[in-house]
Amino acid sequence: MSKAIDSLFTKDDLRRIEDVVKDAEAHMSGEIVPYAVYASDAYERALWRAGLLFGTLALAAFLLMHSFSRMWLAPELAEVAAGTLIAALIGVLLVYYIPAVRRFFAGQELMHRRVAQRAAEAFLAEEVFNTRSRTGILILLSLLERKVIVLGDSGINTKVQPSEWEGIVKTIVDGMHAGKPADALVEAIRQCGQLLKKEGVTIKPTDTNELSNRMRTSDR
């Protein structure tokens, strides 16, 4: 497990998640694959945006100082260049080390695209499609962005409408905002099992456990 994920999901959390997946699958035919990533992208664009903004603000401050201060207070060109570069570096470091700042400069639209792309990649990499009745479900948590994507295979999508996942997604997102992603995921998986059973994804005598119940994790 990655260090970033390890700080949010303990070994006990992973056991609880695996147990609740097993229990949910015992009452319906779906195969639930929980997957948590720390971030769906490095968001280099956010670094550049912050650096450019902080550098521009510093340069503007120097120009104002030059225009409205006495000449003997006006900064030298080397001081202006150094101050602008330092300000830009501060902006980059704030984005790199503070998740809330990174989210702000990345923007919701870009983060949504990256999380959706990461979910599609995980769906293929974990072979969620590789079940006999095409009843795999991926629940992807992207922790930095505080976003959740639920992807169902064709056997699920014929019975469960996209809007029906909204309550499950909200449960996890609220948990991430509260700093309790593991508790929220456990509850969401339980809700997922109940929803699928209600919508007719019923268990069959010939069903077997086709995908591992364990939690998948990754930095990216």
Protein backbone atom coordinates (compact mmCIF):
# COMPACT_ATOMS: atom_id res chain seq x y z
CA MET A 1 0.00 0.00 0.00
CA SER A 2 1.21 3.52 -0.72
CA LYS A 3 2.28 5.75 2.17
CA ALA A 4 -0.35 8.35 1.33
CA ILE A 5 -3.16 5.80 1.33
CA ASP A 6 -1.72 4.04 4.38
CA SER A 7 -2.29 7.19 6.42
CA LEU A 8 -6.01 7.06 5.62
CA PHE A 9 -6.79 3.32 5.62
CA THR A 10 -5.48 1.17 8.47
CA LYS A 11 -5.11 -2.60 8.27
CA ASP A 12 -8.29 -2.89 10.32
CA ASP A 13 -10.08 -0.64 7.83
CA LEU A 14 -8.99 -2.88 4.95
CA ARG A 15 -10.29 -5.95 6.76
CA ARG A 16 -13.63 -4.22 7.42
CA ILE A 17 -13.92 -3.23 3.76
CA GLU A 18 -13.10 -6.74 2.55
CA ASP A 19 -15.65 -8.22 4.97
CA VAL A 20 -18.43 -5.88 3.91
CA VAL A 21 -17.76 -6.62 0.22
CA LYS A 22 -18.00 -10.34 0.98
CA ASP A 23 -21.24 -9.84 2.89
CA ALA A 24 -22.81 -7.66 0.18
CA GLU A 25 -21.91 -10.14 -2.55
CA ALA A 26 -23.45 -12.97 -0.54
CA HIS A 27 -26.91 -11.47 -1.14
CA MET A 28 -26.74 -10.46 -4.81
CA SER A 29 -24.91 -11.31 -8.03
CA GLY A 30 -22.70 -8.22 -8.37
CA GLU A 31 -18.93 -8.16 -7.92
CA ILE A 32 -17.90 -5.01 -6.04
CA VAL A 33 -14.37 -3.68 -6.54
CA PRO A 34 -13.42 -0.85 -4.14
CA TYR A 35 -10.43 1.18 -5.30
CA ALA A 36 -8.81 4.20 -3.62
CA VAL A 37 -6.19 6.44 -5.20
CA TYR A 38 -4.53 9.37 -3.48
CA ALA A 39 -4.82 11.56 -6.59
CA SER A 40 -5.92 10.96 -10.16
CA ASP A 41 -3.33 13.32 -11.61
CA ALA A 42 -0.22 15.28 -10.64
CA TYR A 43 -1.94 18.50 -11.78
CA GLU A 44 1.14 20.19 -13.21
CA ARG A 45 -1.21 22.81 -14.64
CA ALA A 46 -2.14 23.83 -11.10
CA LEU A 47 1.55 24.30 -10.25
CA TRP A 48 2.06 26.55 -13.26
CA ARG A 49 -1.11 28.53 -12.56
CA ALA A 50 -0.09 29.24 -8.98
CA GLY A 51 3.48 30.10 -9.93
CA LEU A 52 2.32 32.47 -12.65
CA LEU A 53 -0.22 34.16 -10.37
CA PHE A 54 2.16 34.65 -7.44
CA GLY A 55 4.96 35.81 -9.72
CA THR A 56 2.66 38.26 -11.51
CA LEU A 57 1.40 39.69 -8.21
CA ALA A 58 4.96 40.17 -6.98
CA LEU A 59 5.97 41.89 -10.22
CA ALA A 60 2.92 44.15 -10.02
CA ALA A 61 3.85 45.08 -6.46
CA PHE A 62 7.39 46.00 -7.55
CA LEU A 63 6.03 48.12 -10.42
CA LEU A 64 3.70 49.96 -8.06
CA MET A 65 6.56 50.52 -5.66
CA HIS A 66 8.63 51.95 -8.50
CA SER A 67 5.81 54.22 -9.66
CA PHE A 68 4.66 55.61 -6.34
CA SER A 69 7.76 55.51 -4.12
CA ARG A 70 10.65 57.90 -4.00
CA MET A 71 13.43 57.05 -6.39
CA TRP A 72 15.84 55.99 -3.67
CA LEU A 73 13.32 53.35 -2.55
CA ALA A 74 12.81 51.90 -6.02
CA PRO A 75 14.11 48.29 -6.25
CA GLU A 76 16.93 47.33 -8.57
CA LEU A 77 16.22 45.10 -11.59
CA ALA A 78 18.00 42.15 -9.93
CA GLU A 79 15.82 42.56 -6.84
CA VAL A 80 12.68 42.61 -8.99
CA ALA A 81 13.72 39.44 -10.82
CA ALA A 82 14.68 37.62 -7.63
CA GLY A 83 11.53 38.68 -5.80
CA THR A 84 9.32 37.61 -8.70
CA LEU A 85 10.98 34.19 -8.90
CA ILE A 86 10.73 33.66 -5.14
CA ALA A 87 7.03 34.56 -5.18
CA ALA A 88 6.43 32.15 -8.08
CA LEU A 89 8.27 29.39 -6.19
CA ILE A 90 6.14 30.03 -3.09
CA GLY A 91 3.02 29.59 -5.22
CA VAL A 92 4.30 26.30 -6.64
CA LEU A 93 5.21 24.98 -3.17
CA LEU A 94 1.81 25.89 -1.74
CA VAL A 95 0.09 23.89 -4.48
CA TYR A 96 2.50 20.98 -4.07
CA TYR A 97 2.17 20.63 -0.30
CA ILE A 98 -1.36 21.85 0.52
CA PRO A 99 -4.19 19.75 -0.99
CA ALA A 100 -6.82 22.50 -0.66
CA VAL A 101 -4.61 24.91 -2.63
CA ARG A 102 -3.99 22.26 -5.29
CA ARG A 103 -7.73 21.67 -5.65
CA PHE A 104 -8.33 25.41 -5.99
CA PHE A 105 -5.78 25.92 -8.75
CA ALA A 106 -6.65 22.67 -10.56
CA GLY A 107 -10.34 23.58 -10.77
CA GLN A 108 -13.39 21.34 -10.57
CA GLU A 109 -13.71 20.74 -14.31
CA LEU A 110 -10.15 19.43 -14.73
CA MET A 111 -10.37 17.31 -11.59
CA HIS A 112 -13.64 15.74 -12.73
CA ARG A 113 -12.11 14.80 -16.10
CA ARG A 114 -9.01 13.31 -14.50
CA VAL A 115 -10.99 11.26 -11.96
CA ALA A 116 -13.31 9.93 -14.67
CA GLN A 117 -10.27 8.98 -16.77
CA ARG A 118 -8.63 7.28 -13.80
CA ALA A 119 -11.80 5.30 -13.09
CA ALA A 120 -11.92 4.07 -16.68
CA GLU A 121 -8.28 2.99 -16.45
CA ALA A 122 -8.92 1.15 -13.17
CA PHE A 123 -12.00 -0.58 -14.62
CA LEU A 124 -9.81 -2.10 -17.32
CA ALA A 125 -6.70 -2.74 -15.21
CA GLU A 126 -8.66 -4.58 -12.51
CA GLU A 127 -10.69 -6.48 -15.14
CA VAL A 128 -13.99 -5.44 -13.63
CA PHE A 129 -15.52 -6.44 -16.96
CA ASN A 130 -14.27 -10.00 -16.57
CA THR A 131 -17.29 -11.62 -14.92
CA ARG A 132 -19.57 -14.23 -16.42
CA SER A 133 -22.73 -12.11 -16.24
CA ARG A 134 -20.95 -8.75 -16.68
CA THR A 135 -21.97 -7.71 -13.16
CA GLY A 136 -18.78 -6.02 -11.97
CA ILE A 137 -18.96 -2.66 -10.19
CA LEU A 138 -16.00 -0.34 -9.59
CA ILE A 139 -16.20 2.17 -6.74
CA LEU A 140 -13.27 4.57 -7.19
CA LEU A 141 -12.34 7.07 -4.48
CA SER A 142 -9.93 9.81 -5.52
CA LEU A 143 -8.97 11.27 -2.17
CA LEU A 144 -7.16 14.48 -3.12
CA GLU A 145 -10.04 15.61 -5.32
CA ARG A 146 -12.69 14.28 -2.89
CA LYS A 147 -14.51 12.71 -5.81
CA VAL A 148 -16.09 9.31 -6.30
CA ILE A 149 -16.94 7.46 -9.51
CA VAL A 150 -19.11 4.33 -9.64
CA LEU A 151 -18.82 2.32 -12.87
CA GLY A 152 -21.01 -0.68 -13.51
CA ASP A 153 -20.57 -3.25 -16.27
CA SER A 154 -23.31 -3.90 -18.83
CA GLY A 155 -25.11 -6.47 -16.67
CA ILE A 156 -25.47 -3.84 -13.94
CA ASN A 157 -26.28 -0.88 -16.15
CA THR A 158 -29.32 -2.60 -17.67
CA LYS A 159 -30.90 -2.72 -14.21
CA VAL A 160 -29.50 0.23 -12.28
CA GLN A 161 -29.84 3.77 -13.60
CA PRO A 162 -26.88 6.20 -13.16
CA SER A 163 -28.98 8.43 -10.90
CA GLU A 164 -29.42 5.55 -8.44
CA TRP A 165 -25.73 5.69 -7.54
CA GLU A 166 -26.00 9.29 -6.33
CA GLY A 167 -26.82 8.41 -2.72
CA ILE A 168 -23.90 5.99 -2.55
CA VAL A 169 -21.53 8.56 -4.04
CA LYS A 170 -22.75 11.21 -1.58
CA THR A 171 -22.15 8.89 1.38
CA ILE A 172 -18.49 8.48 0.41
CA VAL A 173 -17.90 12.13 -0.51
CA ASP A 174 -19.36 13.27 2.82
CA GLY A 175 -17.07 10.80 4.58
CA MET A 176 -14.00 12.12 2.75
CA HIS A 177 -14.89 15.68 3.72
CA ALA A 178 -15.27 14.51 7.33
CA GLY A 179 -11.91 12.71 7.25
CA LYS A 180 -13.53 9.26 7.58
CA PRO A 181 -13.23 7.67 4.13
CA ALA A 182 -13.06 4.09 5.46
CA ASP A 183 -16.27 4.35 7.50
CA ALA A 184 -18.03 5.99 4.56
CA LEU A 185 -16.85 3.34 2.11
CA VAL A 186 -18.02 0.51 4.39
CA GLU A 187 -21.48 2.08 4.59
CA ALA A 188 -21.55 2.79 0.84
CA ILE A 189 -20.69 -0.81 -0.04
CA ARG A 190 -23.49 -1.97 2.24
CA GLN A 191 -25.88 0.41 0.46
CA CYS A 192 -24.59 -0.79 -2.90
CA GLY A 193 -25.41 -4.40 -2.02
CA GLN A 194 -28.91 -3.43 -0.90
CA LEU A 195 -29.52 -1.38 -4.06
CA LEU A 196 -28.41 -4.17 -6.40
CA LYS A 197 -30.51 -6.73 -4.58
CA LYS A 198 -33.54 -4.43 -4.77
CA GLU A 199 -33.03 -3.85 -8.50
CA GLY A 200 -33.00 -7.55 -9.27
CA VAL A 201 -29.30 -8.35 -9.46
CA THR A 202 -30.17 -11.49 -7.56
CA ILE A 203 -27.76 -14.19 -6.57
CA LYS A 204 -27.81 -17.46 -8.53
CA PRO A 205 -26.99 -20.97 -7.30
CA THR A 206 -24.08 -21.13 -9.76
CA ASP A 207 -22.52 -17.79 -8.70
CA THR A 208 -18.92 -17.82 -7.52
CA ASN A 209 -16.63 -15.09 -6.22
CA GLU A 210 -15.04 -14.00 -9.52
CA LEU A 211 -13.17 -10.89 -8.36
CA SER A 212 -11.16 -10.42 -5.17
CA ASN A 213 -12.94 -8.74 -2.25
CA ARG A 214 -9.83 -6.82 -1.20
CA MET A 215 -9.43 -3.07 -1.37
CA ARG A 216 -7.21 -1.86 -4.22
CA THR A 217 -5.04 1.20 -3.56
CA SER A 218 -2.59 3.39 -5.46
CA ASP A 219 -0.91 6.78 -5.26
CA ARG A 220 -2.02 7.42 -8.86
